PDB file of N, CA and C in Angstrom:
ATOM      1  N   MET A   1      17.755  -5.242  11.263  1.00  0.00           N
ATOM      2  CA  MET A   1      16.770  -4.231  10.902  1.00  0.00           C
ATOM      3  C   MET A   1      17.441  -3.202   9.988  1.00  0.00           C
ATOM      4  N   LYS A   2      16.740  -2.828   8.961  1.00  0.00           N
ATOM      5  CA  LYS A   2      17.239  -1.837   8.004  1.00  0.00           C
ATOM      6  C   LYS A   2      17.298  -0.459   8.653  1.00  0.00           C
ATOM      7  N   ASN A   3      18.284   0.325   8.253  1.00  0.00           N
ATOM      8  CA  ASN A   3      18.392   1.720   8.686  1.00  0.00           C
ATOM      9  C   ASN A   3      17.826   2.581   7.560  1.00  0.00           C
ATOM     10  N   ILE A   4      16.664   3.180   7.804  1.00  0.00           N
ATOM     11  CA  ILE A   4      15.985   3.985   6.796  1.00  0.00           C
ATOM     12  C   ILE A   4      15.971   5.436   7.250  1.00  0.00           C
ATOM     13  N   GLU A   5      16.422   6.322   6.357  1.00  0.00           N
ATOM     14  CA  GLU A   5      16.430   7.758   6.637  1.00  0.00           C
ATOM     15  C   GLU A   5      15.784   8.497   5.470  1.00  0.00           C
ATOM     16  N   ILE A   6      14.910   9.435   5.807  1.00  0.00           N
ATOM     17  CA  ILE A   6      14.250  10.258   4.797  1.00  0.00           C
ATOM     18  C   ILE A   6      14.748  11.686   4.947  1.00  0.00           C
ATOM     19  N   PHE A   7      15.211  12.271   3.857  1.00  0.00           N
ATOM     20  CA  PHE A   7      15.717  13.642   3.833  1.00  0.00           C
ATOM     21  C   PHE A   7      14.769  14.472   2.986  1.00  0.00           C
ATOM     22  N   GLU A   8      14.122  15.446   3.627  1.00  0.00           N
ATOM     23  CA  GLU A   8      13.061  16.226   2.988  1.00  0.00           C
ATOM     24  C   GLU A   8      13.498  17.650   2.691  1.00  0.00           C
ATOM     25  N   PRO A   9      12.802  18.297   1.758  1.00  0.00           N
ATOM     26  CA  PRO A   9      13.102  19.709   1.502  1.00  0.00           C
ATOM     27  C   PRO A   9      12.732  20.567   2.702  1.00  0.00           C
ATOM     28  N   ALA A  10      13.115  21.814   2.664  1.00  0.00           N
ATOM     29  CA  ALA A  10      12.779  22.745   3.739  1.00  0.00           C
ATOM     30  C   ALA A  10      11.266  22.867   3.863  1.00  0.00           C
ATOM     31  N   MET A  11      10.787  22.754   5.104  1.00  0.00           N
ATOM     32  CA  MET A  11       9.354  22.884   5.382  1.00  0.00           C
ATOM     33  C   MET A  11       9.179  23.744   6.620  1.00  0.00           C
ATOM     34  N   CYS A  12       7.966  24.207   6.816  1.00  0.00           N
ATOM     35  CA  CYS A  12       7.683  25.114   7.934  1.00  0.00           C
ATOM     36  C   CYS A  12       7.787  24.417   9.294  1.00  0.00           C
ATOM     37  N   CYS A  13       7.597  23.101   9.325  1.00  0.00           N
ATOM     38  CA  CYS A  13       7.705  22.346  10.576  1.00  0.00           C
ATOM     39  C   CYS A  13       8.293  20.970  10.255  1.00  0.00           C
ATOM     40  N   SER A  14       8.522  20.160  11.256  1.00  0.00           N
ATOM     41  CA  SER A  14       9.220  18.895  11.052  1.00  0.00           C
ATOM     42  C   SER A  14       8.462  17.898  10.185  1.00  0.00           C
ATOM     43  N   THR A  15       7.136  18.001  10.116  1.00  0.00           N
ATOM     44  CA  THR A  15       6.355  17.050   9.331  1.00  0.00           C
ATOM     45  C   THR A  15       5.718  17.663   8.092  1.00  0.00           C
ATOM     46  N   GLY A  16       5.642  18.984   8.024  1.00  0.00           N
ATOM     47  CA  GLY A  16       4.979  19.652   6.919  1.00  0.00           C
ATOM     48  C   GLY A  16       3.462  19.633   7.036  1.00  0.00           C
ATOM     49  N   LEU A  17       2.961  19.159   8.173  1.00  0.00           N
ATOM     50  CA  LEU A  17       1.513  19.045   8.377  1.00  0.00           C
ATOM     51  C   LEU A  17       0.942  20.255   9.107  1.00  0.00           C
ATOM     52  N   CYS A  18       1.369  21.407   8.703  1.00  0.00           N
ATOM     53  CA  CYS A  18       0.871  22.629   9.325  1.00  0.00           C
ATOM     54  C   CYS A  18       0.297  23.532   8.239  1.00  0.00           C
ATOM     55  N   GLY A  19      -0.390  24.534   8.641  1.00  0.00           N
ATOM     56  CA  GLY A  19      -0.965  25.446   7.666  1.00  0.00           C
ATOM     57  C   GLY A  19      -2.356  25.027   7.245  1.00  0.00           C
ATOM     58  N   VAL A  20      -2.901  25.754   6.330  1.00  0.00           N
ATOM     59  CA  VAL A  20      -4.282  25.561   5.899  1.00  0.00           C
ATOM     60  C   VAL A  20      -4.425  24.362   4.963  1.00  0.00           C
ATOM     61  N   SER A  21      -3.513  24.218   4.032  1.00  0.00           N
ATOM     62  CA  SER A  21      -3.588  23.156   3.029  1.00  0.00           C
ATOM     63  C   SER A  21      -2.518  22.108   3.313  1.00  0.00           C
ATOM     64  N   VAL A  22      -2.942  20.901   3.663  1.00  0.00           N
ATOM     65  CA  VAL A  22      -2.004  19.824   3.983  1.00  0.00           C
ATOM     66  C   VAL A  22      -1.836  18.922   2.762  1.00  0.00           C
ATOM     67  N   ASP A  23      -0.586  18.691   2.380  1.00  0.00           N
ATOM     68  CA  ASP A  23      -0.262  17.800   1.272  1.00  0.00           C
ATOM     69  C   ASP A  23      -0.632  16.367   1.675  1.00  0.00           C
ATOM     70  N   PRO A  24      -1.498  15.687   0.923  1.00  0.00           N
ATOM     71  CA  PRO A  24      -1.904  14.329   1.285  1.00  0.00           C
ATOM     72  C   PRO A  24      -0.728  13.344   1.347  1.00  0.00           C
ATOM     73  N   GLU A  25       0.308  13.591   0.558  1.00  0.00           N
ATOM     74  CA  GLU A  25       1.473  12.701   0.596  1.00  0.00           C
ATOM     75  C   GLU A  25       2.235  12.862   1.905  1.00  0.00           C
ATOM     76  N   LEU A  26       2.318  14.076   2.433  1.00  0.00           N
ATOM     77  CA  LEU A  26       2.958  14.286   3.736  1.00  0.00           C
ATOM     78  C   LEU A  26       2.130  13.635   4.847  1.00  0.00           C
ATOM     79  N   LEU A  27       0.826  13.688   4.713  1.00  0.00           N
ATOM     80  CA  LEU A  27      -0.053  13.030   5.679  1.00  0.00           C
ATOM     81  C   LEU A  27       0.149  11.518   5.625  1.00  0.00           C
ATOM     82  N   ARG A  28       0.235  10.966   4.417  1.00  0.00           N
ATOM     83  CA  ARG A  28       0.463   9.522   4.267  1.00  0.00           C
ATOM     84  C   ARG A  28       1.785   9.096   4.879  1.00  0.00           C
ATOM     85  N   ILE A  29       2.854   9.831   4.582  1.00  0.00           N
ATOM     86  CA  ILE A  29       4.165   9.424   5.082  1.00  0.00           C
ATOM     87  C   ILE A  29       4.219   9.534   6.602  1.00  0.00           C
ATOM     88  N   SER A  30       3.583  10.554   7.172  1.00  0.00           N
ATOM     89  CA  SER A  30       3.532  10.683   8.635  1.00  0.00           C
ATOM     90  C   SER A  30       2.770   9.527   9.254  1.00  0.00           C
ATOM     91  N   THR A  31       1.670   9.128   8.623  1.00  0.00           N
ATOM     92  CA  THR A  31       0.884   7.993   9.114  1.00  0.00           C
ATOM     93  C   THR A  31       1.687   6.705   9.045  1.00  0.00           C
ATOM     94  N   VAL A  32       2.379   6.485   7.941  1.00  0.00           N
ATOM     95  CA  VAL A  32       3.218   5.296   7.783  1.00  0.00           C
ATOM     96  C   VAL A  32       4.292   5.258   8.863  1.00  0.00           C
ATOM     97  N   LEU A  33       4.977   6.376   9.067  1.00  0.00           N
ATOM     98  CA  LEU A  33       6.063   6.403  10.058  1.00  0.00           C
ATOM     99  C   LEU A  33       5.531   6.198  11.468  1.00  0.00           C
ATOM    100  N   ASN A  34       4.346   6.736  11.768  1.00  0.00           N
ATOM    101  CA  ASN A  34       3.735   6.512  13.087  1.00  0.00           C
ATOM    102  C   ASN A  34       3.355   5.048  13.273  1.00  0.00           C
ATOM    103  N   THR A  35       2.821   4.423  12.228  1.00  0.00           N
ATOM    104  CA  THR A  35       2.465   3.001  12.295  1.00  0.00           C
ATOM    105  C   THR A  35       3.707   2.149  12.532  1.00  0.00           C
ATOM    106  N   LEU A  36       4.782   2.460  11.827  1.00  0.00           N
ATOM    107  CA  LEU A  36       6.027   1.722  12.020  1.00  0.00           C
ATOM    108  C   LEU A  36       6.572   1.932  13.426  1.00  0.00           C
ATOM    109  N   LYS A  37       6.509   3.158  13.916  1.00  0.00           N
ATOM    110  CA  LYS A  37       7.002   3.461  15.270  1.00  0.00           C
ATOM    111  C   LYS A  37       6.230   2.670  16.316  1.00  0.00           C
ATOM    112  N   GLU A  38       4.909   2.541  16.126  1.00  0.00           N
ATOM    113  CA  GLU A  38       4.094   1.751  17.052  1.00  0.00           C
ATOM    114  C   GLU A  38       4.528   0.289  17.077  1.00  0.00           C
ATOM    115  N   ARG A  39       5.159  -0.168  16.006  1.00  0.00           N
ATOM    116  CA  ARG A  39       5.660  -1.542  15.922  1.00  0.00           C
ATOM    117  C   ARG A  39       7.132  -1.637  16.320  1.00  0.00           C
ATOM    118  N   GLY A  40       7.683  -0.537  16.845  1.00  0.00           N
ATOM    119  CA  GLY A  40       9.067  -0.532  17.294  1.00  0.00           C
ATOM    120  C   GLY A  40      10.091  -0.306  16.202  1.00  0.00           C
ATOM    121  N   ILE A  41       9.642   0.189  15.052  1.00  0.00           N
ATOM    122  CA  ILE A  41      10.540   0.423  13.918  1.00  0.00           C
ATOM    123  C   ILE A  41      10.723   1.923  13.752  1.00  0.00           C
ATOM    124  N   GLU A  42      11.968   2.370  13.869  1.00  0.00           N
ATOM    125  CA  GLU A  42      12.248   3.797  13.730  1.00  0.00           C
ATOM    126  C   GLU A  42      12.778   4.113  12.342  1.00  0.00           C
ATOM    127  N   VAL A  43      12.138   5.064  11.694  1.00  0.00           N
ATOM    128  CA  VAL A  43      12.610   5.617  10.439  1.00  0.00           C
ATOM    129  C   VAL A  43      12.983   7.059  10.745  1.00  0.00           C
ATOM    130  N   LYS A  44      14.227   7.403  10.514  1.00  0.00           N
ATOM    131  CA  LYS A  44      14.667   8.769  10.793  1.00  0.00           C
ATOM    132  C   LYS A  44      14.204   9.688   9.672  1.00  0.00           C
ATOM    133  N   ARG A  45      13.775  10.874  10.076  1.00  0.00           N
ATOM    134  CA  ARG A  45      13.220  11.838   9.119  1.00  0.00           C
ATOM    135  C   ARG A  45      13.847  13.195   9.388  1.00  0.00           C
ATOM    136  N   TYR A  46      14.489  13.762   8.371  1.00  0.00           N
ATOM    137  CA  TYR A  46      15.157  15.051   8.512  1.00  0.00           C
ATOM    138  C   TYR A  46      14.626  16.017   7.464  1.00  0.00           C
ATOM    139  N   ASN A  47      14.370  17.249   7.881  1.00  0.00           N
ATOM    140  CA  ASN A  47      14.021  18.241   6.871  1.00  0.00           C
ATOM    141  C   ASN A  47      15.083  19.322   6.884  1.00  0.00           C
ATOM    142  N   LEU A  48      15.292  19.910   5.738  1.00  0.00           N
ATOM    143  CA  LEU A  48      16.401  20.839   5.525  1.00  0.00           C
ATOM    144  C   LEU A  48      16.353  22.036   6.461  1.00  0.00           C
ATOM    145  N   THR A  49      15.166  22.457   6.859  1.00  0.00           N
ATOM    146  CA  THR A  49      15.036  23.597   7.765  1.00  0.00           C
ATOM    147  C   THR A  49      15.494  23.254   9.175  1.00  0.00           C
ATOM    148  N   ASN A  50      15.052  22.087   9.675  1.00  0.00           N
ATOM    149  CA  ASN A  50      15.294  21.742  11.076  1.00  0.00           C
ATOM    150  C   ASN A  50      16.569  20.954  11.332  1.00  0.00           C
ATOM    151  N   ALA A  51      17.118  20.313  10.319  1.00  0.00           N
ATOM    152  CA  ALA A  51      18.297  19.469  10.531  1.00  0.00           C
ATOM    153  C   ALA A  51      19.297  19.601   9.385  1.00  0.00           C
ATOM    154  N   PRO A  52      19.757  20.815   9.083  1.00  0.00           N
ATOM    155  CA  PRO A  52      20.648  20.995   7.935  1.00  0.00           C
ATOM    156  C   PRO A  52      21.968  20.232   8.049  1.00  0.00           C
ATOM    157  N   MET A  53      22.464  20.035   9.249  1.00  0.00           N
ATOM    158  CA  MET A  53      23.742  19.323   9.399  1.00  0.00           C
ATOM    159  C   MET A  53      23.633  17.857   8.988  1.00  0.00           C
ATOM    160  N   GLN A  54      22.454  17.259   9.103  1.00  0.00           N
ATOM    161  CA  GLN A  54      22.275  15.877   8.662  1.00  0.00           C
ATOM    162  C   GLN A  54      22.501  15.760   7.149  1.00  0.00           C
ATOM    163  N   PHE A  55      22.142  16.813   6.424  1.00  0.00           N
ATOM    164  CA  PHE A  55      22.336  16.826   4.973  1.00  0.00           C
ATOM    165  C   PHE A  55      23.815  16.978   4.623  1.00  0.00           C
ATOM    166  N   VAL A  56      24.542  17.673   5.459  1.00  0.00           N
ATOM    167  CA  VAL A  56      25.968  17.899   5.235  1.00  0.00           C
ATOM    168  C   VAL A  56      26.777  16.661   5.611  1.00  0.00           C
ATOM    169  N   THR A  57      26.435  16.045   6.740  1.00  0.00           N
ATOM    170  CA  THR A  57      27.238  14.931   7.244  1.00  0.00           C
ATOM    171  C   THR A  57      26.931  13.596   6.576  1.00  0.00           C
ATOM    172  N   ASN A  58      25.789  13.483   5.926  1.00  0.00           N
ATOM    173  CA  ASN A  58      25.479  12.244   5.211  1.00  0.00           C
ATOM    174  C   ASN A  58      26.041  12.375   3.800  1.00  0.00           C
ATOM    175  N   HIS A  59      27.076  11.605   3.505  1.00  0.00           N
ATOM    176  CA  HIS A  59      27.792  11.718   2.226  1.00  0.00           C
ATOM    177  C   HIS A  59      26.866  11.489   1.024  1.00  0.00           C
ATOM    178  N   VAL A  60      26.005  10.492   1.098  1.00  0.00           N
ATOM    179  CA  VAL A  60      25.106  10.172  -0.014  1.00  0.00           C
ATOM    180  C   VAL A  60      24.187  11.349  -0.307  1.00  0.00           C
ATOM    181  N   VAL A  61      23.600  11.927   0.731  1.00  0.00           N
ATOM    182  CA  VAL A  61      22.654  13.038   0.565  1.00  0.00           C
ATOM    183  C   VAL A  61      23.387  14.304   0.147  1.00  0.00           C
ATOM    184  N   SER A  62      24.535  14.544   0.739  1.00  0.00           N
ATOM    185  CA  SER A  62      25.327  15.715   0.389  1.00  0.00           C
ATOM    186  C   SER A  62      25.676  15.703  -1.101  1.00  0.00           C
ATOM    187  N   GLU A  63      26.122  14.564  -1.607  1.00  0.00           N
ATOM    188  CA  GLU A  63      26.461  14.445  -3.026  1.00  0.00           C
ATOM    189  C   GLU A  63      25.219  14.599  -3.908  1.00  0.00           C
ATOM    190  N   PHE A  64      24.103  14.026  -3.458  1.00  0.00           N
ATOM    191  CA  PHE A  64      22.867  14.147  -4.225  1.00  0.00           C
ATOM    192  C   PHE A  64      22.466  15.614  -4.367  1.00  0.00           C
ATOM    193  N   VAL A  65      22.495  16.348  -3.275  1.00  0.00           N
ATOM    194  CA  VAL A  65      22.096  17.759  -3.299  1.00  0.00           C
ATOM    195  C   VAL A  65      23.069  18.570  -4.159  1.00  0.00           C
ATOM    196  N   LYS A  66      24.368  18.257  -4.090  1.00  0.00           N
ATOM    197  CA  LYS A  66      25.341  18.952  -4.945  1.00  0.00           C
ATOM    198  C   LYS A  66      25.047  18.718  -6.426  1.00  0.00           C
ATOM    199  N   LEU A  67      24.699  17.493  -6.769  1.00  0.00           N
ATOM    200  CA  LEU A  67      24.453  17.141  -8.170  1.00  0.00           C
ATOM    201  C   LEU A  67      23.110  17.631  -8.694  1.00  0.00           C
ATOM    202  N   TYR A  68      22.065  17.491  -7.890  1.00  0.00           N
ATOM    203  CA  TYR A  68      20.706  17.728  -8.390  1.00  0.00           C
ATOM    204  C   TYR A  68      19.983  18.911  -7.747  1.00  0.00           C
ATOM    205  N   GLY A  69      20.501  19.389  -6.619  1.00  0.00           N
ATOM    206  CA  GLY A  69      19.863  20.507  -5.936  1.00  0.00           C
ATOM    207  C   GLY A  69      18.796  20.064  -4.952  1.00  0.00           C
ATOM    208  N   ALA A  70      18.488  20.939  -4.029  1.00  0.00           N
ATOM    209  CA  ALA A  70      17.509  20.640  -2.975  1.00  0.00           C
ATOM    210  C   ALA A  70      16.098  20.519  -3.527  1.00  0.00           C
ATOM    211  N   ASP A  71      15.845  21.054  -4.710  1.00  0.00           N
ATOM    212  CA  ASP A  71      14.498  20.962  -5.279  1.00  0.00           C
ATOM    213  C   ASP A  71      14.158  19.543  -5.739  1.00  0.00           C
ATOM    214  N   LYS A  72      15.124  18.627  -5.741  1.00  0.00           N
ATOM    215  CA  LYS A  72      14.870  17.230  -6.108  1.00  0.00           C
ATOM    216  C   LYS A  72      14.616  16.346  -4.887  1.00  0.00           C
ATOM    217  N   LEU A  73      14.582  16.949  -3.697  1.00  0.00           N
ATOM    218  CA  LEU A  73      14.245  16.211  -2.486  1.00  0.00           C
ATOM    219  C   LEU A  73      12.745  15.946  -2.478  1.00  0.00           C
ATOM    220  N   PRO A  74      12.277  14.924  -1.796  1.00  0.00           N
ATOM    221  CA  PRO A  74      12.943  14.124  -0.778  1.00  0.00           C
ATOM    222  C   PRO A  74      13.768  12.980  -1.383  1.00  0.00           C
ATOM    223  N   VAL A  75      14.691  12.480  -0.564  1.00  0.00           N
ATOM    224  CA  VAL A  75      15.419  11.264  -0.882  1.00  0.00           C
ATOM    225  C   VAL A  75      15.339  10.333   0.322  1.00  0.00           C
ATOM    226  N   THR A  76      15.395   9.052   0.034  1.00  0.00           N
ATOM    227  CA  THR A  76      15.391   8.047   1.090  1.00  0.00           C
ATOM    228  C   THR A  76      16.657   7.226   0.956  1.00  0.00           C
ATOM    229  N   VAL A  77      17.355   7.075   2.078  1.00  0.00           N
ATOM    230  CA  VAL A  77      18.589   6.305   2.145  1.00  0.00           C
ATOM    231  C   VAL A  77      18.309   5.063   2.992  1.00  0.00           C
ATOM    232  N   VAL A  78      18.620   3.895   2.440  1.00  0.00           N
ATOM    233  CA  VAL A  78      18.435   2.634   3.153  1.00  0.00           C
ATOM    234  C   VAL A  78      19.798   1.974   3.307  1.00  0.00           C
ATOM    235  N   ASP A  79      20.192   1.779   4.545  1.00  0.00           N
ATOM    236  CA  ASP A  79      21.496   1.175   4.857  1.00  0.00           C
ATOM    237  C   ASP A  79      22.637   1.870   4.116  1.00  0.00           C
ATOM    238  N   GLY A  80      22.582   3.194   4.084  1.00  0.00           N
ATOM    239  CA  GLY A  80      23.662   3.986   3.505  1.00  0.00           C
ATOM    240  C   GLY A  80      23.637   4.127   1.996  1.00  0.00           C
ATOM    241  N   GLU A  81      22.625   3.566   1.341  1.00  0.00           N
ATOM    242  CA  GLU A  81      22.522   3.629  -0.120  1.00  0.00           C
ATOM    243  C   GLU A  81      21.277   4.423  -0.515  1.00  0.00           C
ATOM    244  N   LEU A  82      21.391   5.228  -1.553  1.00  0.00           N
ATOM    245  CA  LEU A  82      20.243   5.961  -2.069  1.00  0.00           C
ATOM    246  C   LEU A  82      19.228   4.962  -2.617  1.00  0.00           C
ATOM    247  N   ALA A  83      18.010   4.988  -2.074  1.00  0.00           N
ATOM    248  CA  ALA A  83      16.985   4.029  -2.474  1.00  0.00           C
ATOM    249  C   ALA A  83      15.887   4.669  -3.311  1.00  0.00           C
ATOM    250  N   VAL A  84      15.502   5.896  -2.968  1.00  0.00           N
ATOM    251  CA  VAL A  84      14.414   6.589  -3.659  1.00  0.00           C
ATOM    252  C   VAL A  84      14.759   8.066  -3.697  1.00  0.00           C
ATOM    253  N   SER A  85      14.495   8.715  -4.829  1.00  0.00           N
ATOM    254  CA  SER A  85      14.703  10.156  -4.903  1.00  0.00           C
ATOM    255  C   SER A  85      13.540  10.818  -5.626  1.00  0.00           C
ATOM    256  N   GLY A  86      13.273  12.057  -5.256  1.00  0.00           N
ATOM    257  CA  GLY A  86      12.235  12.838  -5.906  1.00  0.00           C
ATOM    258  C   GLY A  86      10.822  12.534  -5.451  1.00  0.00           C
ATOM    259  N   ARG A  87      10.681  11.595  -4.531  1.00  0.00           N
ATOM    260  CA  ARG A  87       9.374  11.220  -3.995  1.00  0.00           C
ATOM    261  C   ARG A  87       9.582  10.471  -2.682  1.00  0.00           C
ATOM    262  N   TYR A  88       8.483  10.232  -1.989  1.00  0.00           N
ATOM    263  CA  TYR A  88       8.535   9.424  -0.773  1.00  0.00           C
ATOM    264  C   TYR A  88       8.388   7.953  -1.138  1.00  0.00           C
ATOM    265  N   PRO A  89       8.930   7.069  -0.312  1.00  0.00           N
ATOM    266  CA  PRO A  89       8.765   5.633  -0.578  1.00  0.00           C
ATOM    267  C   PRO A  89       7.289   5.240  -0.529  1.00  0.00           C
ATOM    268  N   THR A  90       6.935   4.265  -1.340  1.00  0.00           N
ATOM    269  CA  THR A  90       5.586   3.722  -1.305  1.00  0.00           C
ATOM    270  C   THR A  90       5.436   2.822  -0.076  1.00  0.00           C
ATOM    271  N   ASN A  91       4.196   2.522   0.273  1.00  0.00           N
ATOM    272  CA  ASN A  91       3.952   1.577   1.368  1.00  0.00           C
ATOM    273  C   ASN A  91       4.586   0.233   1.033  1.00  0.00           C
ATOM    274  N   GLU A  92       4.497  -0.170  -0.222  1.00  0.00           N
ATOM    275  CA  GLU A  92       5.066  -1.442  -0.650  1.00  0.00           C
ATOM    276  C   GLU A  92       6.593  -1.457  -0.491  1.00  0.00           C
ATOM    277  N   GLU A  93       7.239  -0.344  -0.795  1.00  0.00           N
ATOM    278  CA  GLU A  93       8.696  -0.281  -0.616  1.00  0.00           C
ATOM    279  C   GLU A  93       9.066  -0.428   0.856  1.00  0.00           C
ATOM    280  N   PHE A  94       8.336   0.263   1.738  1.00  0.00           N
ATOM    281  CA  PHE A  94       8.607   0.116   3.172  1.00  0.00           C
ATOM    282  C   PHE A  94       8.450  -1.333   3.615  1.00  0.00           C
ATOM    283  N   THR A  95       7.360  -1.973   3.216  1.00  0.00           N
ATOM    284  CA  THR A  95       7.136  -3.348   3.677  1.00  0.00           C
ATOM    285  C   THR A  95       8.186  -4.302   3.094  1.00  0.00           C
ATOM    286  N   GLU A  96       8.624  -4.039   1.871  1.00  0.00           N
ATOM    287  CA  GLU A  96       9.671  -4.875   1.275  1.00  0.00           C
ATOM    288  C   GLU A  96      10.995  -4.704   2.025  1.00  0.00           C
ATOM    289  N   TRP A  97      11.408  -3.453   2.238  1.00  0.00           N
ATOM    290  CA  TRP A  97      12.675  -3.199   2.932  1.00  0.00           C
ATOM    291  C   TRP A  97      12.682  -3.796   4.331  1.00  0.00           C
ATOM    292  N   LEU A  98      11.551  -3.693   5.014  1.00  0.00           N
ATOM    293  CA  LEU A  98      11.469  -4.123   6.408  1.00  0.00           C
ATOM    294  C   LEU A  98      10.980  -5.560   6.555  1.00  0.00           C
ATOM    295  N   GLN A  99      10.704  -6.218   5.433  1.00  0.00           N
ATOM    296  CA  GLN A  99      10.213  -7.599   5.424  1.00  0.00           C
ATOM    297  C   GLN A  99       8.989  -7.751   6.324  1.00  0.00           C
ATOM    298  N   LEU A 100       8.008  -6.877   6.079  1.00  0.00           N
ATOM    299  CA  LEU A 100       6.751  -6.891   6.825  1.00  0.00           C
ATOM    300  C   LEU A 100       5.630  -7.358   5.903  1.00  0.00           C
ATOM    301  N   PRO A 101       4.569  -7.920   6.478  1.00  0.00           N
ATOM    302  CA  PRO A 101       3.403  -8.233   5.653  1.00  0.00           C
ATOM    303  C   PRO A 101       2.833  -6.947   5.057  1.00  0.00           C
ATOM    304  N   GLN A 102       2.365  -7.004   3.814  1.00  0.00           N
ATOM    305  CA  GLN A 102       1.877  -5.794   3.153  1.00  0.00           C
ATOM    306  C   GLN A 102       0.683  -5.172   3.848  1.00  0.00           C
ATOM    307  N   ASP A 103      -0.117  -5.964   4.556  1.00  0.00           N
ATOM    308  CA  ASP A 103      -1.291  -5.392   5.200  1.00  0.00           C
ATOM    309  C   ASP A 103      -0.958  -4.548   6.431  1.00  0.00           C
ATOM    310  N   VAL A 104       0.298  -4.557   6.868  1.00  0.00           N
ATOM    311  CA  VAL A 104       0.706  -3.750   8.022  1.00  0.00           C
ATOM    312  C   VAL A 104       0.469  -2.262   7.763  1.00  0.00           C
ATOM    313  N   LEU A 105       0.766  -1.814   6.562  1.00  0.00           N
ATOM    314  CA  LEU A 105       0.604  -0.401   6.219  1.00  0.00           C
ATOM    315  C   LEU A 105      -0.652  -0.132   5.415  1.00  0.00           C
ATOM    316  N   GLY A 106      -1.378  -1.147   5.071  1.00  0.00           N
ATOM    317  CA  GLY A 106      -2.613  -0.967   4.315  1.00  0.00           C
ATOM    318  C   GLY A 106      -2.339  -0.723   2.847  1.00  0.00           C
ATOM    319  N   LYS A 107      -3.411  -0.775   2.083  1.00  0.00           N
ATOM    320  CA  LYS A 107      -3.310  -0.539   0.647  1.00  0.00           C
ATOM    321  C   LYS A 107      -3.177   0.954   0.412  1.00  0.00           C
ATOM    322  N   GLN A 108      -2.209   1.320  -0.364  1.00  0.00           N
ATOM    323  CA  GLN A 108      -1.949   2.733  -0.646  1.00  0.00           C
ATOM    324  C   GLN A 108      -2.771   3.181  -1.828  1.00  0.00           C
ATOM    325  N   GLU A 109      -3.525   4.243  -1.629  1.00  0.00           N
ATOM    326  CA  GLU A 109      -4.278   4.840  -2.722  1.00  0.00           C
ATOM    327  C   GLU A 109      -3.328   5.682  -3.558  1.00  0.00           C
ATOM    328  N   SER A 110      -3.548   5.695  -4.836  1.00  0.00           N
ATOM    329  CA  SER A 110      -2.696   6.447  -5.735  1.00  0.00           C
ATOM    330  C   SER A 110      -3.539   7.418  -6.540  1.00  0.00           C
ATOM    331  N   CYS A 111      -3.027   8.608  -6.737  1.00  0.00           N
ATOM    332  CA  CYS A 111      -3.761   9.593  -7.523  1.00  0.00           C
ATOM    333  C   CYS A 111      -3.567   9.366  -9.009  1.00  0.00           C
ATOM    334  N   CYS A 112      -2.557   8.564  -9.394  1.00  0.00           N
ATOM    335  CA  CYS A 112      -2.300   8.414 -10.826  1.00  0.00           C
ATOM    336  C   CYS A 112      -1.920   6.994 -11.223  1.00  0.00           C
ATOM    337  N   GLY A 113      -2.124   6.046 -10.327  1.00  0.00           N
ATOM    338  CA  GLY A 113      -1.839   4.667 -10.671  1.00  0.00           C
ATOM    339  C   GLY A 113      -0.370   4.290 -10.587  1.00  0.00           C
ATOM    340  N   GLY A 114       0.492   5.192 -10.158  1.00  0.00           N
ATOM    341  CA  GLY A 114       1.913   4.915 -10.092  1.00  0.00           C
ATOM    342  C   GLY A 114       2.368   4.372  -8.756  1.00  0.00           C
ATOM    343  N   GLY A 115       1.465   4.118  -7.829  1.00  0.00           N
ATOM    344  CA  GLY A 115       1.844   3.568  -6.541  1.00  0.00           C
ATOM    345  C   GLY A 115       2.159   4.616  -5.502  1.00  0.00           C
ATOM    346  N   TYR A 116       2.099   5.871  -5.852  1.00  0.00           N
ATOM    347  CA  TYR A 116       2.329   6.948  -4.914  1.00  0.00           C
ATOM    348  C   TYR A 116       1.706   8.214  -5.490  1.00  0.00           C
ATOM    349  N   CYS A 117       1.508   9.178  -4.645  1.00  0.00           N
ATOM    350  CA  CYS A 117       0.900  10.425  -5.124  1.00  0.00           C
ATOM    351  C   CYS A 117       1.917  11.209  -5.957  1.00  0.00           C
ATOM    352  N   CYS A 118       1.471  11.680  -7.063  1.00  0.00           N
ATOM    353  CA  CYS A 118       2.369  12.337  -8.024  1.00  0.00           C
ATOM    354  C   CYS A 118       2.448  13.840  -7.842  1.00  0.00           C
ATOM    355  N   LYS A 119       1.969  14.354  -6.746  1.00  0.00           N
ATOM    356  CA  LYS A 119       2.025  15.786  -6.462  1.00  0.00           C
ATOM    357  C   LYS A 119       1.435  16.622  -7.601  1.00  0.00           C
ATOM    358  N   GLY A 120       0.249  16.228  -8.028  1.00  0.00           N
ATOM    359  CA  GLY A 120      -0.432  17.024  -9.031  1.00  0.00           C
ATOM    360  C   GLY A 120      -0.009  16.756 -10.455  1.00  0.00           C
ATOM    361  N   GLU A 121       0.832  15.754 -10.704  1.00  0.00           N
ATOM    362  CA  GLU A 121       1.300  15.458 -12.049  1.00  0.00           C
ATOM    363  C   GLU A 121       0.325  14.575 -12.820  1.00  0.00           C
ATOM    364  N   CYS A 122      -0.812  14.239 -12.236  1.00  0.00           N
ATOM    365  CA  CYS A 122      -1.781  13.338 -12.876  1.00  0.00           C
ATOM    366  C   CYS A 122      -2.457  14.023 -14.050  1.00  0.00           C
TER     367      CYS A 122
END
């Protein structure tokens, strides 16, 4: 089984799903991770506010933040290698890494046709 870790920017809570306006991409990633957890697959998720030591002790993430800054988060590390930066993994990337059927996570809607939400860049 692949070891997948997501390192997120500082947020008000562990999922970012608090407050009046919820980012649809944070909602999607939380749903994906919950679906995977229900299937016995754990994806570790760290945010800079709640788990700063994880950013320091993970060499790949520490170097990334030194080079590009925390404003370029999130990053995803798969088996110790940087896999995705500046965005969350797509549903297709998760199913590929985990060798799951694509219908496990459902078809991902995209705001700009790029396979993931572009955070208003459309």
